[in-house]
Structures are given as C-alpha cells and as structure tokens.
Amino acid sequence: MRGNRWRRIGLTTSLLSIVTLTPLLTGCDEVTFRYLCPALKKYTPEFQAKVAEELKNAGPNTKILLSDYGQLRDACRALDAAK
C-alpha cells in the first residue's frame, strides 16, 4: 500500500512539473545563426592570368589547396547573396 502512495506522489510531482514547465518552454523563440565571411578581395583579370600561368607548374597538392580555397570563396559569395 505504501509503495503505491509514493508512486502516485512521484507521478503527481512529475505531471505537475511538466504542466508548469511546458508554458515556459513554448515561449522560447527559434535560434537563428548568422555566418560571417571575411570580405573577399577582388583580383584583376591580369593578375588572375598571371596566377593561372604560374599554376601550370604547380604540384598536385597546390592545386588541391587552391580548389578548396575556391570552394570557400564560392560559399562566402553565396552567403553574401543570401543576406
């Protein structure tokens, strides 16, 4: 008999907690994230042509690195466009 009483008290306390805390949680607003990218430097076509010529002699690791950098710049441009 005593065990049932304590279970009912525990259940009542749990339900009371849920009923009390639920309105507090529904007042929370959606979390928004804003990603910031550094300003992208613009390169002249002449400079880009010179770098392209230099890259012809670059090793494969350099090309991979620059490809990753290019993807990062594309992602920053996309974020800037979404603002």
Protein backbone atom coordinates (compact mmCIF):
# COMPACT_ATOMS: atom_id res chain seq x y z
CA MET A 1 0.00 0.00 0.00
CA ARG A 2 2.73 2.45 0.94
CA GLY A 3 4.58 1.77 -2.33
CA ASN A 4 1.55 2.78 -4.37
CA ARG A 5 1.22 6.02 -2.42
CA TRP A 6 4.82 7.03 -3.16
CA ARG A 7 4.41 6.12 -6.84
CA ARG A 8 1.32 8.31 -7.05
CA ILE A 9 3.17 11.17 -5.33
CA GLY A 10 6.08 10.74 -7.78
CA LEU A 11 3.67 10.66 -10.74
CA THR A 12 1.82 13.71 -9.45
CA THR A 13 5.08 15.60 -8.97
CA SER A 14 6.23 14.66 -12.49
CA LEU A 15 2.95 15.76 -14.06
CA LEU A 16 2.96 18.98 -12.07
CA SER A 17 6.50 19.70 -13.26
CA ILE A 18 5.55 19.08 -16.88
CA VAL A 19 2.45 21.26 -16.66
CA THR A 20 4.43 24.04 -15.00
CA LEU A 21 7.46 23.99 -17.31
CA THR A 22 5.76 23.47 -20.68
CA PRO A 23 4.46 27.05 -20.99
CA LEU A 24 7.95 28.34 -20.21
CA LEU A 25 9.49 26.25 -22.97
CA THR A 26 6.92 27.23 -25.58
CA GLY A 27 7.92 30.85 -25.10
CA CYS A 28 11.39 30.15 -26.49
CA ASP A 29 11.99 31.60 -29.90
CA GLU A 30 13.75 29.87 -32.75
CA VAL A 31 17.52 30.21 -32.67
CA THR A 32 18.99 31.90 -35.72
CA PHE A 33 22.59 31.66 -36.82
CA ARG A 34 24.35 34.21 -38.93
CA TYR A 35 27.52 33.17 -40.63
CA LEU A 36 30.08 35.83 -41.32
CA CYS A 37 32.69 35.64 -44.02
CA PRO A 38 35.62 37.97 -44.43
CA ALA A 39 35.42 40.43 -47.29
CA LEU A 40 36.60 38.80 -50.50
CA LYS A 41 39.40 40.54 -52.30
CA LYS A 42 38.78 41.16 -55.97
CA TYR A 43 41.65 40.31 -58.32
CA THR A 44 42.22 41.93 -61.68
CA PRO A 45 41.99 39.77 -64.81
CA GLU A 46 45.69 40.41 -65.44
CA PHE A 47 46.62 39.12 -62.00
CA GLN A 48 44.38 36.07 -62.46
CA ALA A 49 46.02 35.30 -65.81
CA LYS A 50 49.49 35.55 -64.24
CA VAL A 51 48.49 33.19 -61.40
CA ALA A 52 46.94 30.76 -63.88
CA GLU A 53 50.24 30.67 -65.78
CA GLU A 54 52.16 30.02 -62.55
CA LEU A 55 49.76 27.22 -61.61
CA LYS A 56 50.64 25.28 -64.72
CA ASN A 57 53.94 24.42 -62.98
CA ALA A 58 52.42 23.83 -59.54
CA GLY A 59 52.26 20.41 -57.95
CA PRO A 60 49.03 18.48 -57.31
CA ASN A 61 48.85 19.46 -53.63
CA THR A 62 48.91 23.14 -54.51
CA LYS A 63 46.05 22.62 -56.96
CA ILE A 64 44.00 20.78 -54.33
CA LEU A 65 44.64 23.57 -51.83
CA LEU A 66 43.57 26.24 -54.28
CA SER A 67 40.48 24.26 -55.26
CA ASP A 68 39.44 24.13 -51.60
CA TYR A 69 40.08 27.86 -51.32
CA GLY A 70 37.91 28.43 -54.38
CA GLN A 71 35.06 26.48 -52.79
CA LEU A 72 35.39 28.58 -49.65
CA ARG A 73 35.15 31.77 -51.71
CA ASP A 74 32.08 30.40 -53.52
CA ALA A 75 30.43 29.62 -50.17
CA CYS A 76 31.16 33.14 -48.91
CA ARG A 77 29.66 34.63 -52.07
CA ALA A 78 26.53 32.50 -51.62
CA LEU A 79 26.16 33.65 -48.01
CA ASP A 80 26.61 37.28 -49.04
CA ALA A 81 23.97 36.87 -51.75
CA ALA A 82 21.52 35.38 -49.23
CA LYS A 83 21.66 38.45 -46.95
